[in-house]
């Protein structure tokens, strides 16, 4: 099964397609959503889109009912913190929607654990801004046929 990895650059020579305009707009929404996170170290936003319709959103943070503090006294992320994409996928799971064939927009590419959730949920396309420190997540997604698109700057042209 072939896989695709695209990298949009800020170079104006790449045509500004309708899909690219939508990708950038959804990434800007995910970026805005990331600002809702209470995490200090890293704020990540996620959006799941199916048929040009936003079906879910999420940001990294503590599970419902827990205090909104993501880091321990040493500044390390607590093990209980949920990643943005996991939160968005879990919201879909508790609704009547489906991720099958959807696009996930992330401000930071997924870790290896979340990449399994992305694949298993049926998401077929991932658009992200920055690469996570460990690329095992996107390497796995490429291997299983998820289309990967990196847009480092989602600003309008």
N, C-alpha and C. Protein backbone atom coordinates (compact mmCIF):
# COMPACT_ATOMS: atom_id res chain seq x y z
N UNK A 1 0.84 -1.17 0.00
CA UNK A 1 0.00 0.00 0.00
C UNK A 1 0.89 1.24 0.00
N UNK A 2 0.71 2.13 -0.99
CA UNK A 2 1.58 3.30 -1.05
C UNK A 2 1.24 4.30 0.04
N UNK A 3 2.23 5.07 0.43
CA UNK A 3 1.97 6.13 1.38
C UNK A 3 2.55 7.42 0.83
N UNK A 4 2.02 8.52 1.32
CA UNK A 4 2.40 9.81 0.80
C UNK A 4 2.81 10.72 1.95
N UNK A 5 3.87 11.44 1.74
CA UNK A 5 4.29 12.45 2.71
C UNK A 5 4.49 13.73 1.92
N UNK A 6 3.74 14.75 2.27
CA UNK A 6 3.85 16.04 1.62
C UNK A 6 4.39 17.05 2.62
N UNK A 7 5.18 17.96 2.13
CA UNK A 7 5.66 19.04 2.98
C UNK A 7 5.38 20.34 2.24
N UNK A 8 4.40 21.10 2.71
CA UNK A 8 4.16 22.42 2.14
C UNK A 8 5.20 23.34 2.72
N UNK A 9 5.73 24.18 1.92
CA UNK A 9 6.70 25.13 2.45
C UNK A 9 6.09 26.52 2.40
N UNK A 10 6.80 27.43 2.96
CA UNK A 10 6.32 28.81 2.95
C UNK A 10 6.65 29.45 1.61
N UNK A 11 7.32 28.71 0.75
CA UNK A 11 7.70 29.18 -0.57
C UNK A 11 6.44 29.45 -1.39
N UNK A 12 6.34 30.62 -1.97
CA UNK A 12 5.14 31.02 -2.72
C UNK A 12 5.03 30.31 -4.07
N UNK A 13 6.02 29.52 -4.49
CA UNK A 13 5.95 28.86 -5.78
C UNK A 13 5.00 27.66 -5.77
N UNK A 14 4.67 27.15 -4.59
CA UNK A 14 3.72 26.04 -4.50
C UNK A 14 2.32 26.62 -4.68
N UNK A 15 1.54 26.03 -5.59
CA UNK A 15 0.20 26.59 -5.82
C UNK A 15 -0.66 26.55 -4.57
N UNK A 16 -1.42 27.59 -4.37
CA UNK A 16 -2.30 27.69 -3.22
C UNK A 16 -3.64 27.03 -3.58
N UNK A 17 -3.69 25.73 -3.47
CA UNK A 17 -4.88 24.98 -3.85
C UNK A 17 -5.99 25.16 -2.83
N UNK A 18 -7.19 24.78 -3.24
CA UNK A 18 -8.34 24.85 -2.34
C UNK A 18 -8.09 23.98 -1.11
N UNK A 19 -7.54 22.77 -1.31
CA UNK A 19 -7.26 21.88 -0.19
C UNK A 19 -6.24 22.49 0.76
N UNK A 20 -5.21 23.12 0.21
CA UNK A 20 -4.20 23.75 1.07
C UNK A 20 -4.81 24.89 1.88
N UNK A 21 -5.70 25.65 1.28
CA UNK A 21 -6.35 26.75 2.01
C UNK A 21 -7.19 26.19 3.16
N UNK A 22 -7.93 25.09 2.91
CA UNK A 22 -8.70 24.47 3.97
C UNK A 22 -7.78 23.90 5.04
N UNK A 23 -6.69 23.23 4.62
CA UNK A 23 -5.74 22.67 5.57
C UNK A 23 -5.19 23.74 6.50
N UNK A 24 -4.81 24.87 5.94
CA UNK A 24 -4.27 25.96 6.75
C UNK A 24 -5.32 26.53 7.69
N UNK A 25 -6.55 26.66 7.21
CA UNK A 25 -7.62 27.20 8.05
C UNK A 25 -7.89 26.27 9.23
N UNK A 26 -7.96 24.97 8.98
CA UNK A 26 -8.21 24.02 10.07
C UNK A 26 -7.03 23.98 11.05
N UNK A 27 -5.81 24.13 10.53
CA UNK A 27 -4.66 24.18 11.44
C UNK A 27 -4.69 25.43 12.31
N UNK A 28 -5.15 26.54 11.75
CA UNK A 28 -5.26 27.76 12.56
C UNK A 28 -6.27 27.56 13.69
N UNK A 29 -7.36 26.83 13.40
CA UNK A 29 -8.34 26.54 14.45
C UNK A 29 -7.71 25.64 15.52
N UNK A 30 -6.97 24.61 15.08
CA UNK A 30 -6.30 23.71 16.03
C UNK A 30 -5.29 24.49 16.88
N UNK A 31 -4.60 25.42 16.27
CA UNK A 31 -3.64 26.26 17.00
C UNK A 31 -4.36 27.10 18.05
N UNK A 32 -5.49 27.65 17.69
CA UNK A 32 -6.28 28.44 18.64
C UNK A 32 -6.79 27.53 19.77
N UNK A 33 -7.20 26.31 19.42
CA UNK A 33 -7.71 25.36 20.41
C UNK A 33 -6.60 24.97 21.39
N UNK A 34 -5.36 24.90 20.91
CA UNK A 34 -4.24 24.53 21.78
C UNK A 34 -4.07 25.52 22.93
N UNK A 35 -4.50 26.74 22.74
CA UNK A 35 -4.36 27.77 23.77
C UNK A 35 -5.25 27.50 24.98
N UNK A 36 -6.21 26.57 24.84
CA UNK A 36 -7.08 26.22 25.95
C UNK A 36 -6.42 25.25 26.93
N UNK A 37 -5.30 24.66 26.52
CA UNK A 37 -4.59 23.70 27.36
C UNK A 37 -4.02 24.38 28.60
N UNK A 38 -4.07 23.67 29.73
CA UNK A 38 -3.47 24.17 30.97
C UNK A 38 -2.02 23.73 31.11
N UNK A 39 -1.53 22.97 30.16
CA UNK A 39 -0.14 22.49 30.22
C UNK A 39 0.82 23.66 30.01
N UNK A 40 1.91 23.64 30.74
CA UNK A 40 2.91 24.69 30.64
C UNK A 40 3.98 24.35 29.60
N UNK A 41 4.41 23.10 29.57
CA UNK A 41 5.52 22.68 28.72
C UNK A 41 5.17 22.72 27.24
N UNK A 42 3.99 22.23 26.91
CA UNK A 42 3.60 22.10 25.52
C UNK A 42 2.09 22.20 25.42
N UNK A 43 1.61 23.07 24.56
CA UNK A 43 0.18 23.21 24.31
C UNK A 43 -0.10 22.68 22.91
N UNK A 44 -0.97 21.67 22.84
CA UNK A 44 -1.25 21.01 21.56
C UNK A 44 -2.75 21.03 21.31
N UNK A 45 -3.12 21.33 20.06
CA UNK A 45 -4.53 21.34 19.67
C UNK A 45 -4.78 20.33 18.56
N UNK A 46 -6.01 19.80 18.53
CA UNK A 46 -6.40 18.81 17.53
C UNK A 46 -7.79 19.11 17.01
N UNK A 47 -8.00 18.76 15.75
CA UNK A 47 -9.30 18.91 15.11
C UNK A 47 -9.49 17.70 14.20
N UNK A 48 -10.67 17.11 14.22
CA UNK A 48 -10.97 16.01 13.30
C UNK A 48 -12.06 16.50 12.36
N UNK A 49 -11.78 16.36 11.06
CA UNK A 49 -12.68 16.86 10.03
C UNK A 49 -13.07 15.71 9.11
N UNK A 50 -14.37 15.62 8.86
CA UNK A 50 -14.89 14.62 7.93
C UNK A 50 -15.81 15.32 6.95
N UNK A 51 -15.50 15.23 5.68
CA UNK A 51 -16.34 15.87 4.67
C UNK A 51 -16.48 17.37 4.87
N UNK A 52 -15.40 18.04 5.18
CA UNK A 52 -15.33 19.48 5.44
C UNK A 52 -16.19 19.91 6.63
N UNK A 53 -16.48 18.96 7.51
CA UNK A 53 -17.26 19.24 8.71
C UNK A 53 -16.42 18.87 9.92
N UNK A 54 -16.26 19.79 10.85
CA UNK A 54 -15.52 19.51 12.07
C UNK A 54 -16.38 18.59 12.93
N UNK A 55 -15.86 17.38 13.21
CA UNK A 55 -16.63 16.44 14.02
C UNK A 55 -16.09 16.32 15.44
N UNK A 56 -14.88 16.83 15.68
CA UNK A 56 -14.34 16.77 17.02
C UNK A 56 -13.16 17.72 17.17
N UNK A 57 -12.84 18.01 18.41
CA UNK A 57 -11.70 18.86 18.73
C UNK A 57 -11.11 18.38 20.05
N UNK A 58 -9.91 18.81 20.32
CA UNK A 58 -9.29 18.43 21.58
C UNK A 58 -8.01 19.21 21.82
N UNK A 59 -7.59 19.19 23.06
CA UNK A 59 -6.30 19.77 23.43
C UNK A 59 -5.74 18.91 24.55
N UNK A 60 -4.44 19.00 24.77
CA UNK A 60 -3.83 18.16 25.81
C UNK A 60 -4.17 18.70 27.19
N UNK A 61 -4.38 17.76 28.10
CA UNK A 61 -4.70 18.18 29.47
C UNK A 61 -5.11 17.02 30.35
N UNK A 62 -5.45 17.35 31.56
CA UNK A 62 -5.84 16.36 32.56
C UNK A 62 -7.21 15.76 32.23
N UNK A 63 -7.43 14.50 32.61
CA UNK A 63 -8.75 13.89 32.40
C UNK A 63 -9.83 14.65 33.18
N UNK A 64 -11.05 14.53 32.71
CA UNK A 64 -12.20 15.18 33.35
C UNK A 64 -12.24 14.85 34.85
N UNK A 65 -12.46 15.89 35.63
CA UNK A 65 -12.59 15.71 37.07
C UNK A 65 -11.30 15.81 37.85
N UNK A 66 -10.17 15.88 37.15
CA UNK A 66 -8.88 16.01 37.83
C UNK A 66 -8.44 17.47 37.78
N UNK A 67 -7.52 17.84 38.66
CA UNK A 67 -7.03 19.21 38.66
C UNK A 67 -6.32 19.51 37.34
N UNK A 68 -6.44 20.76 36.90
CA UNK A 68 -5.88 21.16 35.62
C UNK A 68 -4.41 21.53 35.72
N UNK A 69 -3.62 20.64 36.23
CA UNK A 69 -2.18 20.83 36.33
C UNK A 69 -1.52 19.66 35.62
N UNK A 70 -0.82 19.94 34.55
CA UNK A 70 -0.27 18.88 33.70
C UNK A 70 1.14 18.44 34.10
N UNK A 71 1.86 19.29 34.83
CA UNK A 71 3.23 18.99 35.19
C UNK A 71 3.36 18.70 36.68
N UNK A 72 4.32 17.84 37.02
CA UNK A 72 4.59 17.57 38.43
C UNK A 72 5.55 18.62 38.98
N UNK A 73 5.96 18.47 40.24
CA UNK A 73 6.82 19.47 40.88
C UNK A 73 8.20 19.60 40.22
N UNK A 74 8.60 18.58 39.42
CA UNK A 74 9.88 18.64 38.71
C UNK A 74 9.72 19.21 37.30
N UNK A 75 8.49 19.59 36.95
CA UNK A 75 8.25 20.15 35.62
C UNK A 75 8.02 19.10 34.54
N UNK A 76 7.96 17.83 34.94
CA UNK A 76 7.71 16.74 33.98
C UNK A 76 6.21 16.55 33.79
N UNK A 77 5.82 16.14 32.60
CA UNK A 77 4.41 15.90 32.32
C UNK A 77 3.92 14.69 33.11
N UNK A 78 2.78 14.86 33.79
CA UNK A 78 2.19 13.76 34.55
C UNK A 78 1.74 12.65 33.61
N UNK A 79 1.83 11.41 34.07
CA UNK A 79 1.47 10.27 33.24
C UNK A 79 -0.01 10.28 32.87
N UNK A 80 -0.83 10.95 33.66
CA UNK A 80 -2.28 10.94 33.44
C UNK A 80 -2.75 11.92 32.37
N UNK A 81 -1.88 12.79 31.89
CA UNK A 81 -2.27 13.79 30.90
C UNK A 81 -2.63 13.12 29.58
N UNK A 82 -3.77 13.52 29.03
CA UNK A 82 -4.22 13.01 27.74
C UNK A 82 -3.71 13.92 26.62
N UNK A 83 -3.27 13.32 25.54
CA UNK A 83 -2.81 14.09 24.40
C UNK A 83 -4.01 14.62 23.62
N UNK A 84 -3.80 15.69 22.88
CA UNK A 84 -4.88 16.37 22.16
C UNK A 84 -5.63 15.43 21.21
N UNK A 85 -4.88 14.62 20.45
CA UNK A 85 -5.52 13.73 19.48
C UNK A 85 -6.32 12.63 20.18
N UNK A 86 -5.83 12.16 21.32
CA UNK A 86 -6.56 11.16 22.09
C UNK A 86 -7.88 11.75 22.59
N UNK A 87 -7.83 12.99 23.09
CA UNK A 87 -9.05 13.65 23.54
C UNK A 87 -10.06 13.80 22.39
N UNK A 88 -9.58 14.20 21.22
CA UNK A 88 -10.48 14.39 20.07
C UNK A 88 -11.08 13.05 19.62
N UNK A 89 -10.27 12.00 19.56
CA UNK A 89 -10.76 10.68 19.15
C UNK A 89 -11.76 10.13 20.17
N UNK A 90 -11.48 10.33 21.45
CA UNK A 90 -12.40 9.87 22.49
C UNK A 90 -13.75 10.60 22.42
N UNK A 91 -13.72 11.88 22.06
CA UNK A 91 -14.99 12.61 21.89
C UNK A 91 -15.82 12.00 20.77
N UNK A 92 -15.17 11.63 19.68
CA UNK A 92 -15.89 11.01 18.56
C UNK A 92 -16.47 9.67 19.00
N UNK A 93 -15.70 8.91 19.76
CA UNK A 93 -16.15 7.59 20.22
C UNK A 93 -17.41 7.69 21.07
N UNK A 94 -17.61 8.81 21.75
CA UNK A 94 -18.79 8.96 22.60
C UNK A 94 -19.92 9.70 21.88
N UNK A 95 -19.79 9.84 20.55
CA UNK A 95 -20.83 10.52 19.77
C UNK A 95 -21.38 9.57 18.72
N UNK A 96 -22.19 10.10 17.83
CA UNK A 96 -22.72 9.28 16.74
C UNK A 96 -21.86 9.41 15.48
N UNK A 97 -20.78 10.16 15.56
CA UNK A 97 -19.89 10.35 14.41
C UNK A 97 -18.88 9.20 14.31
N UNK A 98 -18.17 9.19 13.19
CA UNK A 98 -17.12 8.20 12.96
C UNK A 98 -15.89 8.90 12.39
N UNK A 99 -14.72 8.42 12.76
CA UNK A 99 -13.46 8.96 12.23
C UNK A 99 -13.09 8.31 10.89
N UNK A 100 -13.84 7.32 10.47
CA UNK A 100 -13.51 6.58 9.25
C UNK A 100 -13.34 7.53 8.07
N UNK A 101 -12.12 7.55 7.51
CA UNK A 101 -11.81 8.37 6.35
C UNK A 101 -11.57 9.84 6.66
N UNK A 102 -11.56 10.21 7.92
CA UNK A 102 -11.44 11.62 8.32
C UNK A 102 -10.00 12.11 8.25
N UNK A 103 -9.85 13.43 8.40
CA UNK A 103 -8.55 14.08 8.48
C UNK A 103 -8.36 14.61 9.90
N UNK A 104 -7.19 14.36 10.45
CA UNK A 104 -6.82 14.87 11.77
C UNK A 104 -5.84 16.02 11.58
N UNK A 105 -6.15 17.16 12.20
CA UNK A 105 -5.27 18.32 12.17
C UNK A 105 -4.65 18.47 13.54
N UNK A 106 -3.32 18.55 13.60
CA UNK A 106 -2.59 18.62 14.86
C UNK A 106 -1.53 19.71 14.81
N UNK A 107 -1.33 20.37 15.92
CA UNK A 107 -0.25 21.36 15.99
C UNK A 107 1.10 20.70 16.22
N UNK A 108 1.09 19.43 16.64
CA UNK A 108 2.31 18.66 16.87
C UNK A 108 2.03 17.22 16.46
N UNK A 109 2.94 16.62 15.68
CA UNK A 109 2.70 15.25 15.21
C UNK A 109 2.55 14.29 16.39
N UNK A 110 1.82 13.19 16.18
CA UNK A 110 1.51 12.30 17.30
C UNK A 110 2.70 11.46 17.78
N UNK A 111 2.65 11.09 19.05
CA UNK A 111 3.62 10.17 19.61
C UNK A 111 3.29 8.77 19.10
N UNK A 112 4.13 7.80 19.41
CA UNK A 112 3.90 6.45 18.91
C UNK A 112 2.62 5.82 19.46
N UNK A 113 2.28 6.12 20.71
CA UNK A 113 1.06 5.55 21.29
C UNK A 113 -0.19 6.15 20.64
N UNK A 114 -0.21 7.45 20.47
CA UNK A 114 -1.38 8.09 19.85
C UNK A 114 -1.50 7.73 18.37
N UNK A 115 -0.38 7.46 17.72
CA UNK A 115 -0.46 7.08 16.30
C UNK A 115 -1.25 5.78 16.12
N UNK A 116 -1.19 4.90 17.11
CA UNK A 116 -1.98 3.66 17.05
C UNK A 116 -3.47 4.00 17.15
N UNK A 117 -3.82 4.95 18.00
CA UNK A 117 -5.21 5.38 18.11
C UNK A 117 -5.70 6.01 16.80
N UNK A 118 -4.85 6.82 16.21
CA UNK A 118 -5.18 7.48 14.94
C UNK A 118 -5.49 6.42 13.88
N UNK A 119 -4.61 5.48 13.74
CA UNK A 119 -4.79 4.41 12.74
C UNK A 119 -6.03 3.58 13.03
N UNK A 120 -6.17 3.15 14.26
CA UNK A 120 -7.27 2.26 14.64
C UNK A 120 -8.63 2.94 14.52
N UNK A 121 -8.66 4.27 14.66
CA UNK A 121 -9.93 5.00 14.57
C UNK A 121 -10.41 5.17 13.13
N UNK A 122 -9.54 4.89 12.17
CA UNK A 122 -9.94 5.00 10.76
C UNK A 122 -9.55 6.30 10.09
N UNK A 123 -8.81 7.15 10.79
CA UNK A 123 -8.35 8.41 10.19
C UNK A 123 -7.39 8.08 9.05
N UNK A 124 -7.59 8.71 7.90
CA UNK A 124 -6.81 8.40 6.71
C UNK A 124 -5.82 9.48 6.32
N UNK A 125 -5.92 10.65 6.98
CA UNK A 125 -5.06 11.76 6.61
C UNK A 125 -4.70 12.53 7.87
N UNK A 126 -3.43 12.91 7.97
CA UNK A 126 -2.94 13.69 9.10
C UNK A 126 -2.24 14.93 8.58
N UNK A 127 -2.68 16.09 9.04
CA UNK A 127 -2.03 17.35 8.71
C UNK A 127 -1.51 17.92 10.02
N UNK A 128 -0.22 18.20 10.07
CA UNK A 128 0.37 18.68 11.32
C UNK A 128 1.35 19.81 11.05
N UNK A 129 1.65 20.57 12.11
CA UNK A 129 2.57 21.70 11.98
C UNK A 129 4.00 21.30 12.31
N UNK A 130 4.24 20.88 13.53
CA UNK A 130 5.60 20.58 13.98
C UNK A 130 5.76 19.09 14.22
N UNK A 131 6.99 18.62 14.06
CA UNK A 131 7.28 17.21 14.35
C UNK A 131 7.56 17.04 15.83
N UNK A 132 6.98 15.99 16.39
CA UNK A 132 7.26 15.58 17.76
C UNK A 132 8.72 15.15 17.82
N UNK A 133 9.34 15.25 18.99
CA UNK A 133 10.77 14.94 19.14
C UNK A 133 11.12 13.53 18.66
N UNK A 134 10.19 12.62 18.78
CA UNK A 134 10.38 11.24 18.33
C UNK A 134 9.45 11.02 17.15
N UNK A 135 9.99 10.62 16.01
CA UNK A 135 9.17 10.49 14.80
C UNK A 135 8.57 9.10 14.60
N UNK A 136 8.65 8.25 15.61
CA UNK A 136 8.09 6.90 15.48
C UNK A 136 6.59 6.93 15.15
N UNK A 137 5.88 7.92 15.67
CA UNK A 137 4.45 8.03 15.42
C UNK A 137 4.13 8.25 13.96
N UNK A 138 4.78 9.25 13.35
CA UNK A 138 4.49 9.50 11.93
C UNK A 138 5.12 8.44 11.04
N UNK A 139 6.21 7.84 11.47
CA UNK A 139 6.80 6.73 10.71
C UNK A 139 5.81 5.56 10.64
N UNK A 140 5.18 5.26 11.77
CA UNK A 140 4.19 4.20 11.83
C UNK A 140 3.00 4.52 10.93
N UNK A 141 2.49 5.75 11.02
CA UNK A 141 1.33 6.14 10.22
C UNK A 141 1.63 6.07 8.72
N UNK A 142 2.83 6.47 8.34
CA UNK A 142 3.22 6.36 6.93
C UNK A 142 3.23 4.90 6.49
N UNK A 143 3.73 4.05 7.35
CA UNK A 143 3.82 2.61 7.06
C UNK A 143 2.45 1.97 6.86
N UNK A 144 1.44 2.43 7.61
CA UNK A 144 0.10 1.84 7.51
C UNK A 144 -0.78 2.57 6.49
N UNK A 145 -0.21 3.52 5.75
CA UNK A 145 -0.92 4.14 4.64
C UNK A 145 -1.68 5.41 4.94
N UNK A 146 -1.45 6.03 6.09
CA UNK A 146 -2.09 7.31 6.38
C UNK A 146 -1.33 8.40 5.62
N UNK A 147 -2.07 9.24 4.91
CA UNK A 147 -1.45 10.35 4.19
C UNK A 147 -0.98 11.39 5.19
N UNK A 148 0.27 11.82 5.08
CA UNK A 148 0.86 12.78 6.01
C UNK A 148 1.17 14.08 5.28
N UNK A 149 0.77 15.19 5.88
CA UNK A 149 1.04 16.51 5.31
C UNK A 149 1.57 17.39 6.44
N UNK A 150 2.73 17.99 6.22
CA UNK A 150 3.26 18.94 7.20
C UNK A 150 3.15 20.34 6.63
N UNK A 151 2.51 21.22 7.39
CA UNK A 151 2.42 22.64 7.04
C UNK A 151 2.97 23.39 8.25
N UNK A 152 4.18 23.86 8.12
CA UNK A 152 4.84 24.48 9.27
C UNK A 152 4.23 25.81 9.68
N UNK A 153 3.71 26.55 8.70
CA UNK A 153 3.11 27.85 8.99
C UNK A 153 1.73 27.91 8.34
N UNK A 154 0.66 27.86 9.14
CA UNK A 154 -0.67 27.88 8.55
C UNK A 154 -1.22 29.27 8.28
N UNK A 155 -0.36 30.27 8.27
CA UNK A 155 -0.82 31.63 8.05
C UNK A 155 -1.36 31.77 6.62
N UNK A 156 -2.30 32.67 6.46
CA UNK A 156 -2.87 32.92 5.14
C UNK A 156 -1.83 33.56 4.24
N UNK A 157 -1.92 33.24 2.95
CA UNK A 157 -0.99 33.83 1.97
C UNK A 157 -1.42 35.20 1.56
